[in-house]
Amino acid sequence: RDIKPDNIMIRPDGSAVLIDLSIA
């Protein structure tokens, strides 16, 4: 319920991680 650029981390290897489940 809150997918946006601030809630996606880009690791040093370039892979993406979806974070922040606070309003899931």
PDB file of all heavy atoms in Angstrom:
ATOM      1  N   ARG A   1       0.784  -1.245   0.000  1.00  0.00           N
ATOM      2  CA  ARG A   1       0.000   0.000   0.000  1.00  0.00           C
ATOM      3  C   ARG A   1       0.813   1.291   0.000  1.00  0.00           C
ATOM      4  O   ARG A   1       0.233   2.374   0.083  1.00  0.00           O
ATOM      5  CB  ARG A   1      -0.987   0.035   1.182  1.00  0.00           C
ATOM      6  CG  ARG A   1      -2.005  -1.072   1.162  1.00  0.00           C
ATOM      7  CD  ARG A   1      -3.229  -0.730   1.958  1.00  0.00           C
ATOM      8  NE  ARG A   1      -2.955  -0.525   3.367  1.00  0.00           N
ATOM      9  CZ  ARG A   1      -3.857  -0.078   4.235  1.00  0.00           C
ATOM     10  NH1 ARG A   1      -5.078   0.228   3.838  1.00  0.00           N
ATOM     11  NH2 ARG A   1      -3.544   0.052   5.506  1.00  0.00           N
ATOM     12  N   ASP A   2       2.137   1.225  -0.082  1.00  0.00           N
ATOM     13  CA  ASP A   2       2.900   2.483  -0.089  1.00  0.00           C
ATOM     14  C   ASP A   2       4.188   2.338  -0.901  1.00  0.00           C
ATOM     15  O   ASP A   2       5.274   2.661  -0.430  1.00  0.00           O
ATOM     16  CB  ASP A   2       3.217   2.917   1.343  1.00  0.00           C
ATOM     17  CG  ASP A   2       3.574   4.406   1.431  1.00  0.00           C
ATOM     18  OD1 ASP A   2       3.255   5.156   0.478  1.00  0.00           O
ATOM     19  OD2 ASP A   2       4.181   4.812   2.434  1.00  0.00           O
ATOM     20  N   ILE A   3       4.039   1.881  -2.128  1.00  0.00           N
ATOM     21  CA  ILE A   3       5.195   1.725  -3.013  1.00  0.00           C
ATOM     22  C   ILE A   3       5.544   3.077  -3.614  1.00  0.00           C
ATOM     23  O   ILE A   3       4.715   3.727  -4.257  1.00  0.00           O
ATOM     24  CB  ILE A   3       4.895   0.704  -4.124  1.00  0.00           C
ATOM     25  CG1 ILE A   3       4.625  -0.667  -3.506  1.00  0.00           C
ATOM     26  CG2 ILE A   3       6.049   0.622  -5.122  1.00  0.00           C
ATOM     27  CD1 ILE A   3       4.055  -1.665  -4.476  1.00  0.00           C
ATOM     28  N   LYS A   4       6.779   3.511  -3.396  1.00  0.00           N
ATOM     29  CA  LYS A   4       7.271   4.789  -3.900  1.00  0.00           C
ATOM     30  C   LYS A   4       8.797   4.775  -3.823  1.00  0.00           C
ATOM     31  O   LYS A   4       9.386   3.895  -3.161  1.00  0.00           O
ATOM     32  CB  LYS A   4       6.706   5.937  -3.064  1.00  0.00           C
ATOM     33  CG  LYS A   4       7.047   5.869  -1.576  1.00  0.00           C
ATOM     34  CD  LYS A   4       6.378   6.992  -0.802  1.00  0.00           C
ATOM     35  CE  LYS A   4       6.703   6.898   0.696  1.00  0.00           C
ATOM     36  NZ  LYS A   4       6.043   7.981   1.463  1.00  0.00           N
ATOM     37  N   PRO A   5       9.480   5.719  -4.476  1.00  0.00           N
ATOM     38  CA  PRO A   5      10.955   5.715  -4.476  1.00  0.00           C
ATOM     39  C   PRO A   5      11.582   5.739  -3.087  1.00  0.00           C
ATOM     40  O   PRO A   5      12.635   5.129  -2.874  1.00  0.00           O
ATOM     41  CB  PRO A   5      11.298   6.976  -5.278  1.00  0.00           C
ATOM     42  CG  PRO A   5      10.141   7.144  -6.212  1.00  0.00           C
ATOM     43  CD  PRO A   5       8.938   6.724  -5.415  1.00  0.00           C
ATOM     44  N   ASP A   6      10.953   6.419  -2.119  1.00  0.00           N
ATOM     45  CA  ASP A   6      11.500   6.480  -0.759  1.00  0.00           C
ATOM     46  C   ASP A   6      11.459   5.130  -0.060  1.00  0.00           C
ATOM     47  O   ASP A   6      12.187   4.916   0.918  1.00  0.00           O
ATOM     48  CB  ASP A   6      10.717   7.495   0.081  1.00  0.00           C
ATOM     49  CG  ASP A   6      10.986   8.914  -0.361  1.00  0.00           C
ATOM     50  OD1 ASP A   6      12.139   9.345  -0.321  1.00  0.00           O
ATOM     51  OD2 ASP A   6      10.025   9.601  -0.777  1.00  0.00           O
ATOM     52  N   ASN A   7      10.610   4.220  -0.523  1.00  0.00           N
ATOM     53  CA  ASN A   7      10.450   2.924   0.126  1.00  0.00           C
ATOM     54  C   ASN A   7      11.113   1.786  -0.647  1.00  0.00           C
ATOM     55  O   ASN A   7      10.775   0.617  -0.455  1.00  0.00           O
ATOM     56  CB  ASN A   7       8.964   2.609   0.336  1.00  0.00           C
ATOM     57  CG  ASN A   7       8.376   3.423   1.475  1.00  0.00           C
ATOM     58  OD1 ASN A   7       9.107   3.970   2.296  1.00  0.00           O
ATOM     59  ND2 ASN A   7       7.058   3.508   1.527  1.00  0.00           N
ATOM     60  N   ILE A   8      12.042   2.150  -1.513  1.00  0.00           N
ATOM     61  CA  ILE A   8      12.822   1.148  -2.235  1.00  0.00           C
ATOM     62  C   ILE A   8      14.296   1.452  -2.033  1.00  0.00           C
ATOM     63  O   ILE A   8      14.755   2.552  -2.322  1.00  0.00           O
ATOM     64  CB  ILE A   8      12.482   1.146  -3.738  1.00  0.00           C
ATOM     65  CG1 ILE A   8      11.018   0.731  -3.936  1.00  0.00           C
ATOM     66  CG2 ILE A   8      13.430   0.218  -4.505  1.00  0.00           C
ATOM     67  CD1 ILE A   8      10.535   0.859  -5.360  1.00  0.00           C
ATOM     68  N   MET A   9      15.019   0.483  -1.487  1.00  0.00           N
ATOM     69  CA  MET A   9      16.462   0.622  -1.307  1.00  0.00           C
ATOM     70  C   MET A   9      17.186  -0.011  -2.483  1.00  0.00           C
ATOM     71  O   MET A   9      16.782  -1.070  -2.965  1.00  0.00           O
ATOM     72  CB  MET A   9      16.911  -0.062  -0.011  1.00  0.00           C
ATOM     73  CG  MET A   9      16.380   0.566   1.263  1.00  0.00           C
ATOM     74  SD  MET A   9      17.008   2.245   1.551  1.00  0.00           S
ATOM     75  CE  MET A   9      18.780   1.937   1.670  1.00  0.00           C
ATOM     76  N   ILE A  10      18.249   0.653  -2.936  1.00  0.00           N
ATOM     77  CA  ILE A  10      19.101   0.098  -3.969  1.00  0.00           C
ATOM     78  C   ILE A  10      20.423  -0.289  -3.318  1.00  0.00           C
ATOM     79  O   ILE A  10      21.162   0.570  -2.837  1.00  0.00           O
ATOM     80  CB  ILE A  10      19.346   1.098  -5.117  1.00  0.00           C
ATOM     81  CG1 ILE A  10      18.008   1.623  -5.663  1.00  0.00           C
ATOM     82  CG2 ILE A  10      20.170   0.443  -6.228  1.00  0.00           C
ATOM     83  CD1 ILE A  10      17.096   0.564  -6.228  1.00  0.00           C
ATOM     84  N   ARG A  11      20.687  -1.574  -3.278  1.00  0.00           N
ATOM     85  CA  ARG A  11      21.926  -2.062  -2.670  1.00  0.00           C
ATOM     86  C   ARG A  11      23.136  -1.666  -3.518  1.00  0.00           C
ATOM     87  O   ARG A  11      22.991  -1.313  -4.696  1.00  0.00           O
ATOM     88  CB  ARG A  11      21.871  -3.582  -2.536  1.00  0.00           C
ATOM     89  CG  ARG A  11      20.929  -4.125  -1.463  1.00  0.00           C
ATOM     90  CD  ARG A  11      21.183  -5.598  -1.298  1.00  0.00           C
ATOM     91  NE  ARG A  11      20.444  -6.183  -0.177  1.00  0.00           N
ATOM     92  CZ  ARG A  11      19.436  -7.028  -0.312  1.00  0.00           C
ATOM     93  NH1 ARG A  11      19.036  -7.380  -1.520  1.00  0.00           N
ATOM     94  NH2 ARG A  11      18.834  -7.537   0.755  1.00  0.00           N
ATOM     95  N   PRO A  12      24.338  -1.748  -2.939  1.00  0.00           N
ATOM     96  CA  PRO A  12      25.549  -1.446  -3.717  1.00  0.00           C
ATOM     97  C   PRO A  12      25.686  -2.276  -4.989  1.00  0.00           C
ATOM     98  O   PRO A  12      26.291  -1.823  -5.968  1.00  0.00           O
ATOM     99  CB  PRO A  12      26.677  -1.736  -2.725  1.00  0.00           C
ATOM    100  CG  PRO A  12      26.063  -1.468  -1.384  1.00  0.00           C
ATOM    101  CD  PRO A  12      24.655  -1.952  -1.509  1.00  0.00           C
ATOM    102  N   ASP A  13      25.112  -3.495  -4.992  1.00  0.00           N
ATOM    103  CA  ASP A  13      25.196  -4.327  -6.199  1.00  0.00           C
ATOM    104  C   ASP A  13      24.124  -3.993  -7.226  1.00  0.00           C
ATOM    105  O   ASP A  13      24.037  -4.628  -8.288  1.00  0.00           O
ATOM    106  CB  ASP A  13      25.131  -5.816  -5.832  1.00  0.00           C
ATOM    107  CG  ASP A  13      23.775  -6.222  -5.240  1.00  0.00           C
ATOM    108  OD1 ASP A  13      22.865  -5.364  -5.155  1.00  0.00           O
ATOM    109  OD2 ASP A  13      23.628  -7.399  -4.860  1.00  0.00           O
ATOM    110  N   GLY A  14      23.285  -2.984  -6.916  1.00  0.00           N
ATOM    111  CA  GLY A  14      22.265  -2.545  -7.867  1.00  0.00           C
ATOM    112  C   GLY A  14      20.921  -3.211  -7.720  1.00  0.00           C
ATOM    113  O   GLY A  14      19.974  -2.847  -8.422  1.00  0.00           O
ATOM    114  N   SER A  15      20.784  -4.165  -6.812  1.00  0.00           N
ATOM    115  CA  SER A  15      19.499  -4.839  -6.630  1.00  0.00           C
ATOM    116  C   SER A  15      18.562  -3.999  -5.763  1.00  0.00           C
ATOM    117  O   SER A  15      19.002  -3.176  -4.954  1.00  0.00           O
ATOM    118  CB  SER A  15      19.702  -6.224  -6.010  1.00  0.00           C
ATOM    119  OG  SER A  15      20.294  -6.116  -4.724  1.00  0.00           O
ATOM    120  N   ALA A  16      17.269  -4.218  -5.935  1.00  0.00           N
ATOM    121  CA  ALA A  16      16.252  -3.421  -5.253  1.00  0.00           C
ATOM    122  C   ALA A  16      15.620  -4.194  -4.101  1.00  0.00           C
ATOM    123  O   ALA A  16      15.409  -5.409  -4.189  1.00  0.00           O
ATOM    124  CB  ALA A  16      15.174  -2.993  -6.242  1.00  0.00           C
ATOM    125  N   VAL A  17      15.309  -3.474  -3.011  1.00  0.00           N
ATOM    126  CA  VAL A  17      14.649  -4.060  -1.844  1.00  0.00           C
ATOM    127  C   VAL A  17      13.480  -3.162  -1.459  1.00  0.00           C
ATOM    128  O   VAL A  17      13.650  -1.957  -1.254  1.00  0.00           O
ATOM    129  CB  VAL A  17      15.619  -4.185  -0.646  1.00  0.00           C
ATOM    130  CG1 VAL A  17      14.898  -4.809   0.547  1.00  0.00           C
ATOM    131  CG2 VAL A  17      16.841  -5.017  -1.026  1.00  0.00           C
ATOM    132  N   LEU A  18      12.299  -3.737  -1.371  1.00  0.00           N
ATOM    133  CA  LEU A  18      11.100  -2.998  -0.969  1.00  0.00           C
ATOM    134  C   LEU A  18      11.035  -2.963   0.552  1.00  0.00           C
ATOM    135  O   LEU A  18      11.032  -4.006   1.208  1.00  0.00           O
ATOM    136  CB  LEU A  18       9.859  -3.678  -1.541  1.00  0.00           C
ATOM    137  CG  LEU A  18       8.499  -3.053  -1.217  1.00  0.00           C
ATOM    138  CD1 LEU A  18       8.411  -1.628  -1.754  1.00  0.00           C
ATOM    139  CD2 LEU A  18       7.377  -3.923  -1.781  1.00  0.00           C
ATOM    140  N   ILE A  19      10.995  -1.761   1.133  1.00  0.00           N
ATOM    141  CA  ILE A  19      11.015  -1.618   2.590  1.00  0.00           C
ATOM    142  C   ILE A  19       9.740  -0.935   3.086  1.00  0.00           C
ATOM    143  O   ILE A  19       8.866  -0.581   2.300  1.00  0.00           O
ATOM    144  CB  ILE A  19      12.255  -0.814   3.049  1.00  0.00           C
ATOM    145  CG1 ILE A  19      12.197   0.615   2.492  1.00  0.00           C
ATOM    146  CG2 ILE A  19      13.535  -1.512   2.626  1.00  0.00           C
ATOM    147  CD1 ILE A  19      13.253   1.547   3.072  1.00  0.00           C
ATOM    148  N   ASP A  20       9.661  -0.742   4.389  1.00  0.00           N
ATOM    149  CA  ASP A  20       8.615   0.015   5.088  1.00  0.00           C
ATOM    150  C   ASP A  20       7.221  -0.583   4.918  1.00  0.00           C
ATOM    151  O   ASP A  20       6.449  -0.199   4.048  1.00  0.00           O
ATOM    152  CB  ASP A  20       8.607   1.481   4.642  1.00  0.00           C
ATOM    153  CG  ASP A  20       7.868   2.354   5.652  1.00  0.00           C
ATOM    154  OD1 ASP A  20       7.152   1.810   6.516  1.00  0.00           O
ATOM    155  OD2 ASP A  20       8.006   3.591   5.575  1.00  0.00           O
ATOM    156  N   LEU A  21       6.904  -1.501   5.815  1.00  0.00           N
ATOM    157  CA  LEU A  21       5.589  -2.132   5.840  1.00  0.00           C
ATOM    158  C   LEU A  21       4.667  -1.472   6.860  1.00  0.00           C
ATOM    159  O   LEU A  21       3.703  -2.086   7.320  1.00  0.00           O
ATOM    160  CB  LEU A  21       5.745  -3.616   6.168  1.00  0.00           C
ATOM    161  CG  LEU A  21       6.473  -4.446   5.108  1.00  0.00           C
ATOM    162  CD1 LEU A  21       7.011  -5.730   5.721  1.00  0.00           C
ATOM    163  CD2 LEU A  21       5.568  -4.747   3.942  1.00  0.00           C
ATOM    164  N   SER A  22       4.951  -0.226   7.200  1.00  0.00           N
ATOM    165  CA  SER A  22       4.238   0.430   8.301  1.00  0.00           C
ATOM    166  C   SER A  22       2.741   0.590   8.053  1.00  0.00           C
ATOM    167  O   SER A  22       1.960   0.639   9.003  1.00  0.00           O
ATOM    168  CB  SER A  22       4.867   1.794   8.612  1.00  0.00           C
ATOM    169  OG  SER A  22       4.830   2.642   7.487  1.00  0.00           O
ATOM    170  N   ILE A  23       2.304   0.692   6.789  1.00  0.00           N
ATOM    171  CA  ILE A  23       0.864   0.776   6.533  1.00  0.00           C
ATOM    172  C   ILE A  23       0.369  -0.414   5.715  1.00  0.00           C
ATOM    173  O   ILE A  23      -0.741  -0.388   5.182  1.00  0.00           O
ATOM    174  CB  ILE A  23       0.457   2.103   5.848  1.00  0.00           C
ATOM    175  CG1 ILE A  23       1.027   2.189   4.427  1.00  0.00           C
ATOM    176  CG2 ILE A  23       0.865   3.293   6.684  1.00  0.00           C
ATOM    177  CD1 ILE A  23       0.400   3.325   3.625  1.00  0.00           C
ATOM    178  N   ALA A  24       1.207  -1.453   5.633  1.00  0.00           N
ATOM    179  CA  ALA A  24       0.766  -2.676   4.954  1.00  0.00           C
ATOM    180  C   ALA A  24      -0.386  -3.304   5.725  1.00  0.00           C
ATOM    181  O   ALA A  24      -0.538  -3.087   6.929  1.00  0.00           O
ATOM    182  CB  ALA A  24       1.927  -3.660   4.837  1.00  0.00           C
TER     183      ALA A  24
END
